[in-house]
Amino acid sequence: MGISMETFDAVIIGGGPAGATAATDLAANGFSVLLLDRAGRIKPCGGAIPPIAIKEFDIPDDLIVARIQSARIVSPMDRKADMPIDGGFVGMVDREHFDEWLRERAARTGAQRRTGTFESLEIESGGTVRVTFKKRLDDGFETTETVRTQYVIGADGASSAVARQALPKEEAPPFVFAYHEIVKSPKPADGATFESRRCDVYYNGRYSPDFYAWVFPHGDTTSIGTGTAHKGFSLRGSVADLRNEIGMAGHETIRKEGAPIPLRPRKRWDNGRNVIVAGDAAGVVAPASGEGIYYAMLCGRIVSDSVAEALRTGDARHLATARKRFMKAHGRVFWVLGMMQRFWYANDARRERFVTMCKDPDVQMLTWQAYMHKKLVKAKPLAHMRIFVKDMAHLLGVVPP
């Protein structure tokens, strides 16, 4: 008689914010969960999370390595727009420690953790799924392991192997490739153009032809990075130039990371039977800003809700409700940001005007309110009208940049 295969209600591939959140929620609801994550994976990320994420997902204060009080937007001509945050802040996390804490929380809640690399999934005749992955043994050798599950959640990034296998007809969303370097933060006497409570964002074709570059403080360290969809553009060269520009070329480099970031949500997240994607694999990164941590965690929660309901009822049609719920709540914001990115990031002349707009108090107020609360602000109709008129003036070029 053979050894029976381990069986789970859900297997989650990928232990970032989306996968770890889904694992925590499913385990908290009494389901058996396996959380699989690759060893040594740290996503390149500025690390910004809004206050609503800290509240909704019970993020402890000791994971917030910095509280940002303002942003500085820098134009191609080195004109600067300072955007103070009135009555709020941007929380900064270090993904190396933040993601591991999320995975550990999932384990404490009851999910089983495994470190390994996803290989394949096979849908059996009865509807269950065999998931095969490789894991490294203590002696350095690799072994292959297979488990059985009712549902698979693919939270394995923008280049999701789960999506490629389970959603073969779905067109993958376009992406930018992001790269950053984590460096030692400068001390006040170092002479660097740096403020420990300010995020600096550079809209400049020298640093990115279609996205932006950033300098985000993380307390003792700082993330300096950029992104682009142009394959021939040198991201490493851009970051080197930016570090030189801000006086941080000689600061110690802790680590370097790069990864694709999707530009829009996938049109479909599930296969209609037993597989669904979440986080970057579902494409839930905000256009224009590239913000993904909050949306990934929210997506993980919504996907876990749909899987839980499918498990309770035996009806896989519940999987399709996840994307509908997410897009109902945030689809309009994503559409607005996507339009903004396509127009204002197109060239340096438009970026110059965009930075001018960022100096406007109405723009600043609505931007920060929308960021902190994660919804378009409806309480200020006159402010929206003023922004519309100013936006049209810039579009038509009737005001100087």
Protein backbone atom coordinates (compact mmCIF):
# COMPACT_ATOMS: atom_id res chain seq x y z
CA MET A 1 0.00 0.00 0.00
CA GLY A 2 1.49 3.35 -1.06
CA ILE A 3 2.01 6.38 1.10
CA SER A 4 -0.96 8.77 0.87
CA MET A 5 -0.29 12.17 -0.62
CA GLU A 6 -0.60 15.25 1.60
CA THR A 7 -3.86 17.05 0.91
CA PHE A 8 -4.81 20.68 1.59
CA ASP A 9 -7.87 22.82 1.09
CA ALA A 10 -5.69 25.45 -0.58
CA VAL A 11 -2.09 25.69 -1.78
CA ILE A 12 -0.75 29.21 -2.19
CA ILE A 13 2.22 29.73 -4.49
CA GLY A 14 4.15 32.84 -3.45
CA GLY A 15 4.64 34.31 0.01
CA GLY A 16 4.59 38.04 -0.69
CA PRO A 17 1.90 40.38 0.67
CA ALA A 18 -0.89 38.84 -1.45
CA GLY A 19 -0.05 35.18 -0.82
CA ALA A 20 0.77 35.58 2.86
CA THR A 21 -2.42 37.55 3.50
CA ALA A 22 -4.54 34.95 1.69
CA ALA A 23 -2.85 32.18 3.70
CA THR A 24 -3.49 33.99 6.99
CA ASP A 25 -7.15 34.61 6.24
CA LEU A 26 -7.87 31.07 5.02
CA ALA A 27 -6.07 29.50 7.98
CA ALA A 28 -7.93 31.80 10.38
CA ASN A 29 -11.17 30.44 8.92
CA GLY A 30 -10.18 26.87 9.70
CA PHE A 31 -9.00 25.70 6.28
CA SER A 32 -5.86 23.65 5.76
CA VAL A 33 -3.35 25.78 3.87
CA LEU A 34 0.11 25.25 2.40
CA LEU A 35 2.12 28.43 1.72
CA LEU A 36 5.01 27.86 -0.70
CA ASP A 37 7.65 30.53 -1.25
CA ARG A 38 11.04 30.64 -2.95
CA ALA A 39 14.14 31.05 -0.83
CA GLY A 40 15.87 34.44 -0.82
CA ARG A 41 13.14 36.28 -2.71
CA ILE A 42 12.95 40.02 -2.02
CA LYS A 43 10.95 42.18 -4.39
CA PRO A 44 12.38 45.54 -5.49
CA CYS A 45 9.98 48.02 -3.96
CA GLY A 46 10.00 51.52 -2.56
CA GLY A 47 8.20 50.08 0.46
CA ALA A 48 5.41 52.65 0.86
CA ILE A 49 2.15 51.70 2.55
CA PRO A 50 -0.76 54.01 3.42
CA PRO A 51 -2.26 54.32 6.91
CA ILE A 52 -5.33 52.38 5.77
CA ALA A 53 -3.12 49.33 5.15
CA ILE A 54 -1.64 49.53 8.64
CA LYS A 55 -5.16 49.67 10.11
CA GLU A 56 -6.92 47.08 7.92
CA PHE A 57 -4.15 44.49 8.11
CA ASP A 58 -2.96 45.04 11.71
CA ILE A 59 0.62 45.98 10.81
CA PRO A 60 2.62 46.52 14.03
CA ASP A 61 4.49 49.79 14.55
CA ASP A 62 7.89 48.12 14.71
CA LEU A 63 7.62 47.16 11.02
CA ILE A 64 7.21 50.83 10.05
CA VAL A 65 10.83 51.88 9.58
CA ALA A 66 9.98 55.48 8.65
CA ARG A 67 6.98 57.80 8.60
CA ILE A 68 7.15 60.08 5.61
CA GLN A 69 5.73 63.57 6.08
CA SER A 70 6.14 64.94 2.55
CA ALA A 71 7.10 64.21 -1.04
CA ARG A 72 9.32 66.21 -3.38
CA ILE A 73 8.55 65.93 -7.09
CA VAL A 74 11.50 66.85 -9.33
CA SER A 75 11.07 67.85 -12.98
CA PRO A 76 13.42 67.30 -15.95
CA MET A 77 14.63 70.91 -15.52
CA ASP A 78 15.26 70.26 -11.80
CA ARG A 79 12.25 72.30 -10.73
CA LYS A 80 10.85 71.00 -7.47
CA ALA A 81 7.33 70.68 -6.13
CA ASP A 82 7.13 69.99 -2.40
CA MET A 83 3.98 68.18 -1.30
CA PRO A 84 3.56 68.16 2.50
CA ILE A 85 1.12 65.65 3.95
CA ASP A 86 -1.43 67.50 6.05
CA GLY A 87 -2.67 65.32 8.90
CA GLY A 88 -1.25 62.02 7.73
CA PHE A 89 1.85 60.10 6.72
CA VAL A 90 3.21 57.43 4.40
CA GLY A 91 4.50 54.36 6.21
CA MET A 92 7.71 52.79 4.91
CA VAL A 93 8.60 49.12 5.29
CA ASP A 94 11.65 47.06 4.36
CA ARG A 95 10.32 44.23 2.20
CA GLU A 96 12.97 41.80 3.44
CA HIS A 97 11.57 41.94 6.97
CA PHE A 98 7.98 42.92 6.16
CA ASP A 99 7.28 39.96 3.88
CA GLU A 100 8.89 37.49 6.29
CA TRP A 101 6.73 38.83 9.12
CA LEU A 102 3.62 38.30 6.97
CA ARG A 103 4.67 34.71 6.24
CA GLU A 104 5.36 34.06 9.90
CA ARG A 105 1.94 35.45 10.81
CA ALA A 106 0.37 33.02 8.35
CA ALA A 107 2.27 30.17 10.02
CA ARG A 108 1.21 31.30 13.51
CA THR A 109 -2.37 31.38 12.30
CA GLY A 110 -2.15 27.76 11.16
CA ALA A 111 -0.82 27.70 7.60
CA GLN A 112 2.01 25.30 6.80
CA ARG A 113 5.11 26.94 5.33
CA ARG A 114 7.40 25.31 2.79
CA THR A 115 10.39 26.81 1.02
CA GLY A 116 10.62 25.64 -2.56
CA THR A 117 10.20 26.45 -6.24
CA PHE A 118 6.89 25.78 -7.96
CA GLU A 119 7.22 23.40 -10.90
CA SER A 120 3.80 22.40 -12.20
CA LEU A 121 0.16 21.78 -11.49
CA GLU A 122 -1.99 18.94 -12.83
CA ILE A 123 -5.77 19.00 -12.64
CA GLU A 124 -7.07 15.53 -11.79
CA SER A 125 -10.26 14.00 -13.17
CA GLY A 126 -12.13 14.65 -9.92
CA GLY A 127 -11.26 18.34 -9.96
CA THR A 128 -8.49 18.33 -7.39
CA VAL A 129 -5.06 19.66 -8.30
CA ARG A 130 -1.63 18.10 -7.92
CA VAL A 131 1.02 20.73 -7.21
CA THR A 132 4.67 19.79 -7.70
CA PHE A 133 7.58 21.83 -6.40
CA LYS A 134 11.29 21.46 -5.77
CA LYS A 135 12.90 22.08 -2.42
CA ARG A 136 16.52 22.15 -1.36
CA LEU A 137 17.65 19.75 1.35
CA ASP A 138 20.10 20.55 4.12
CA ASP A 139 22.85 18.64 2.27
CA GLY A 140 22.46 20.91 -0.77
CA PHE A 141 20.61 18.41 -2.95
CA GLU A 142 17.15 19.08 -4.38
CA THR A 143 14.11 16.87 -4.09
CA THR A 144 10.70 16.98 -5.75
CA GLU A 145 7.52 16.98 -3.71
CA THR A 146 3.89 16.74 -4.79
CA VAL A 147 0.78 17.61 -2.80
CA ARG A 148 -2.92 17.57 -3.59
CA THR A 149 -5.33 20.46 -3.08
CA GLN A 150 -8.85 21.64 -3.79
CA TYR A 151 -7.75 25.14 -4.85
CA VAL A 152 -4.54 26.85 -5.95
CA ILE A 153 -3.85 30.55 -5.45
CA GLY A 154 -1.05 31.82 -7.69
CA ALA A 155 0.57 34.78 -5.92
CA ASP A 156 3.90 34.28 -7.66
CA GLY A 157 4.50 37.68 -9.24
CA ALA A 158 4.05 39.45 -12.56
CA SER A 159 5.69 36.57 -14.47
CA SER A 160 3.43 34.06 -12.69
CA ALA A 161 4.18 30.45 -13.62
CA VAL A 162 0.79 29.50 -12.20
CA ALA A 163 -0.94 31.91 -14.60
CA ARG A 164 1.07 30.59 -17.54
CA GLN A 165 -0.03 27.03 -16.80
CA ALA A 166 -3.61 27.57 -15.65
CA LEU A 167 -4.62 30.61 -17.69
CA PRO A 168 -2.92 29.87 -21.03
CA LYS A 169 -5.33 31.92 -23.12
CA GLU A 170 -5.19 35.01 -20.97
CA GLU A 171 -3.02 37.82 -22.26
CA ALA A 172 -0.44 38.82 -19.69
CA PRO A 173 -0.60 42.53 -18.85
CA PRO A 174 2.22 44.84 -19.95
CA PHE A 175 4.79 45.67 -17.32
CA VAL A 176 7.63 47.93 -16.38
CA PHE A 177 10.83 46.41 -15.12
CA ALA A 178 11.81 47.91 -11.78
CA TYR A 179 15.28 47.97 -10.28
CA HIS A 180 16.50 49.44 -7.01
CA GLU A 181 19.49 49.50 -4.72
CA ILE A 182 19.20 49.50 -0.95
CA VAL A 183 21.96 51.73 0.41
CA LYS A 184 23.03 53.07 3.77
CA SER A 185 21.14 56.26 4.55
CA PRO A 186 23.32 59.38 4.78
CA LYS A 187 23.95 61.19 8.01
CA PRO A 188 23.03 64.89 8.29
CA ALA A 189 26.67 65.93 7.78
CA ASP A 190 27.15 63.83 4.62
CA GLY A 191 26.00 66.57 2.29
CA ALA A 192 23.57 64.39 0.35
CA THR A 193 20.34 65.85 -1.09
CA PHE A 194 18.28 63.82 1.32
CA GLU A 195 15.63 64.21 3.98
CA SER A 196 14.78 61.21 6.17
CA ARG A 197 11.04 62.04 6.25
CA ARG A 198 10.63 62.93 2.59
CA CYS A 199 10.19 60.76 -0.49
CA ASP A 200 11.79 62.17 -3.63
CA VAL A 201 10.30 61.27 -7.02
CA TYR A 202 12.08 62.15 -10.28
CA TYR A 203 10.08 62.61 -13.47
CA ASN A 204 12.95 62.84 -15.90
CA GLY A 205 13.69 61.00 -19.14
CA ARG A 206 17.32 60.61 -18.07
CA TYR A 207 16.24 58.38 -15.21
CA SER A 208 13.21 56.75 -16.86
CA PRO A 209 11.77 57.37 -20.35
CA ASP A 210 8.25 56.32 -19.37
CA PHE A 211 7.98 55.93 -15.59
CA TYR A 212 9.85 57.62 -12.71
CA ALA A 213 12.83 57.22 -10.41
CA TRP A 214 12.69 57.40 -6.64
CA VAL A 215 14.61 57.97 -3.41
CA PHE A 216 12.61 56.50 -0.52
CA PRO A 217 14.05 56.59 3.03
CA HIS A 218 13.73 53.44 5.16
CA GLY A 219 15.34 54.70 8.34
CA ASP A 220 18.88 53.30 8.40
CA THR A 221 18.67 52.42 4.70
CA THR A 222 17.25 54.03 1.57
CA SER A 223 15.71 52.59 -1.60
CA ILE A 224 16.98 54.26 -4.78
CA GLY A 225 15.38 52.92 -7.91
CA THR A 226 13.67 53.36 -11.24
CA GLY A 227 11.51 51.50 -13.72
CA THR A 228 10.73 51.38 -17.45
CA ALA A 229 9.02 49.31 -20.11
CA HIS A 230 11.85 50.12 -22.57
CA LYS A 231 14.03 47.02 -22.80
CA GLY A 232 17.09 48.87 -24.04
CA PHE A 233 17.18 51.38 -21.20
CA SER A 234 19.91 50.84 -18.60
CA LEU A 235 18.24 50.72 -15.19
CA ARG A 236 21.53 50.16 -13.38
CA GLY A 237 23.09 53.09 -15.21
CA SER A 238 20.11 55.27 -14.35
CA VAL A 239 20.34 54.44 -10.64
CA ALA A 240 24.07 55.07 -10.71
CA ASP A 241 23.48 58.49 -12.28
CA LEU A 242 20.79 59.32 -9.73
CA ARG A 243 22.97 58.28 -6.81
CA ASN A 244 25.72 60.51 -8.14
CA GLU A 245 23.26 63.38 -8.63
CA ILE A 246 22.01 63.26 -5.04
CA GLY A 247 25.42 62.74 -3.44
CA MET A 248 24.95 59.07 -2.51
CA ALA A 249 27.26 57.39 -5.02
CA GLY A 250 29.77 56.45 -2.35
CA HIS A 251 27.30 55.15 0.23
CA GLU A 252 27.43 51.45 1.07
CA THR A 253 25.16 49.28 -1.08
CA ILE A 254 23.32 46.65 0.97
CA ARG A 255 21.59 44.79 -1.87
CA LYS A 256 20.35 45.13 -5.46
CA GLU A 257 17.06 43.77 -6.81
CA GLY A 258 15.01 43.82 -9.98
CA ALA A 259 11.62 42.45 -11.08
CA PRO A 260 8.73 43.16 -13.49
CA ILE A 261 5.75 45.17 -12.24
CA PRO A 262 2.41 44.85 -14.11
CA LEU A 263 0.71 47.95 -15.46
CA ARG A 264 -2.92 46.81 -15.37
CA PRO A 265 -5.08 44.03 -13.90
CA ARG A 266 -5.53 40.81 -15.85
CA LYS A 267 -8.88 40.51 -17.60
CA ARG A 268 -9.50 37.22 -15.83
CA TRP A 269 -8.05 35.89 -12.58
CA ASP A 270 -9.38 32.30 -12.46
CA ASN A 271 -9.78 29.23 -14.64
CA GLY A 272 -13.38 28.65 -13.57
CA ARG A 273 -12.53 25.46 -11.70
CA ASN A 274 -9.78 25.46 -9.10
CA VAL A 275 -7.03 28.02 -9.81
CA ILE A 276 -7.00 31.77 -9.19
CA VAL A 277 -4.22 34.40 -9.15
CA ALA A 278 -3.62 37.28 -6.74
CA GLY A 279 -1.32 40.28 -6.23
CA ASP A 280 1.14 41.04 -9.01
CA ALA A 281 0.06 37.83 -10.75
CA ALA A 282 -3.42 39.38 -11.01
CA GLY A 283 -1.89 42.71 -12.12
CA VAL A 284 -3.10 44.78 -9.17
CA VAL A 285 -0.39 47.42 -9.13
CA ALA A 286 -1.56 51.01 -9.40
CA PRO A 287 -0.61 52.61 -12.74
CA ALA A 288 1.38 55.85 -12.60
CA SER A 289 2.55 55.28 -9.03
CA GLY A 290 3.53 51.61 -9.18
CA GLU A 291 2.11 51.19 -5.67
CA GLY A 292 1.36 47.56 -4.98
CA ILE A 293 1.64 46.50 -1.32
CA TYR A 294 -1.79 47.64 -0.17
CA TYR A 295 -3.51 46.46 -3.35
CA ALA A 296 -1.72 43.10 -3.16
CA MET A 297 -2.84 42.54 0.43
CA LEU A 298 -6.39 43.59 -0.37
CA CYS A 299 -6.40 41.33 -3.42
CA GLY A 300 -5.10 38.43 -1.31
CA ARG A 301 -7.93 39.01 1.16
CA ILE A 302 -10.61 39.19 -1.52
CA VAL A 303 -9.26 36.11 -3.30
CA SER A 304 -9.16 34.19 -0.02
CA ASP A 305 -12.80 35.13 0.56
CA SER A 306 -13.78 33.74 -2.83
CA VAL A 307 -11.81 30.52 -2.26
CA ALA A 308 -13.32 30.11 1.20
CA GLU A 309 -16.81 30.46 -0.22
CA ALA A 310 -16.02 27.96 -2.99
CA LEU A 311 -14.75 25.51 -0.36
CA ARG A 312 -17.85 25.94 1.80
CA THR A 313 -20.33 25.56 -1.05
CA GLY A 314 -18.46 23.34 -3.49
CA ASP A 315 -19.23 25.92 -6.20
CA ALA A 316 -16.15 27.14 -8.09
CA ARG A 317 -18.13 29.98 -9.65
CA HIS A 318 -17.37 31.96 -6.50
CA LEU A 319 -13.79 32.39 -7.77
CA ALA A 320 -14.97 34.85 -10.41
CA THR A 321 -16.39 37.20 -7.76
CA ALA A 322 -12.88 38.17 -6.61
CA ARG A 323 -11.99 40.27 -9.63
CA LYS A 324 -15.47 41.81 -9.76
CA ARG A 325 -15.22 42.91 -6.12
CA PHE A 326 -11.75 44.37 -6.54
CA MET A 327 -12.53 46.26 -9.74
CA LYS A 328 -15.79 47.61 -8.34
CA ALA A 329 -13.85 49.12 -5.46
CA HIS A 330 -10.70 50.27 -7.30
CA GLY A 331 -11.17 49.93 -11.05
CA ARG A 332 -12.01 53.61 -11.50
CA VAL A 333 -8.87 54.70 -9.63
CA PHE A 334 -6.76 52.37 -11.78
CA TRP A 335 -8.36 53.76 -14.95
CA VAL A 336 -7.67 57.37 -13.93
CA LEU A 337 -4.06 56.60 -13.00
CA GLY A 338 -3.53 54.66 -16.22
CA MET A 339 -4.76 57.61 -18.30
CA MET A 340 -2.52 59.94 -16.32
CA GLN A 341 0.54 57.76 -16.89
CA ARG A 342 -0.05 57.38 -20.61
CA PHE A 343 -0.35 61.13 -21.12
CA TRP A 344 1.85 62.88 -18.55
CA TYR A 345 4.77 60.43 -18.66
CA ALA A 346 5.04 60.48 -22.45
CA ASN A 347 7.92 62.99 -22.70
CA ASP A 348 9.86 65.53 -20.68
CA ALA A 349 7.80 68.49 -21.87
CA ARG A 350 4.68 66.93 -20.40
CA ARG A 351 6.54 65.84 -17.27
CA GLU A 352 7.57 69.47 -16.75
CA ARG A 353 3.93 70.53 -16.81
CA PHE A 354 2.96 67.63 -14.58
CA VAL A 355 5.40 68.76 -11.88
CA THR A 356 3.95 72.28 -12.13
CA MET A 357 0.50 70.82 -11.48
CA CYS A 358 1.86 69.05 -8.40
CA LYS A 359 2.54 72.45 -6.83
CA ASP A 360 -1.18 73.19 -6.77
CA PRO A 361 -2.74 72.97 -3.25
CA ASP A 362 -5.93 71.38 -4.62
CA VAL A 363 -3.92 68.68 -6.40
CA GLN A 364 -1.89 68.01 -3.28
CA MET A 365 -4.90 67.78 -1.00
CA LEU A 366 -6.84 65.39 -3.23
CA THR A 367 -3.74 63.32 -4.01
CA TRP A 368 -2.91 62.67 -0.37
CA GLN A 369 -6.52 62.08 0.63
CA ALA A 370 -6.94 59.54 -2.17
CA TYR A 371 -3.64 57.86 -1.26
CA MET A 372 -4.29 57.57 2.47
CA HIS A 373 -7.91 56.40 2.13
CA LYS A 374 -7.60 54.52 -1.17
CA LYS A 375 -10.58 56.02 -2.93
CA LEU A 376 -11.34 59.04 -5.06
CA VAL A 377 -12.32 62.00 -2.91
CA LYS A 378 -15.91 63.13 -3.54
CA ALA A 379 -16.30 65.62 -0.73
CA LYS A 380 -14.56 68.50 -2.54
CA PRO A 381 -16.48 69.16 -5.80
CA LEU A 382 -15.08 72.68 -6.19
CA ALA A 383 -11.53 71.38 -5.82
CA HIS A 384 -12.22 68.77 -8.51
CA MET A 385 -13.59 71.46 -10.79
CA ARG A 386 -10.56 73.71 -10.26
CA ILE A 387 -8.23 70.79 -11.00
CA PHE A 388 -10.17 69.98 -14.18
CA VAL A 389 -9.85 73.57 -15.43
CA LYS A 390 -6.13 73.70 -14.59
CA ASP A 391 -5.54 70.29 -16.14
CA MET A 392 -7.20 71.39 -19.38
CA ALA A 393 -5.10 74.56 -19.40
CA HIS A 394 -1.93 72.46 -19.19
CA LEU A 395 -3.17 70.00 -21.80
CA LEU A 396 -3.84 72.86 -24.22
CA GLY A 397 -0.57 74.60 -23.35
CA VAL A 398 -2.19 77.91 -22.45
CA VAL A 399 -0.19 78.23 -19.23
CA PRO A 400 3.61 78.16 -18.88
CA PRO A 401 5.18 74.94 -17.56
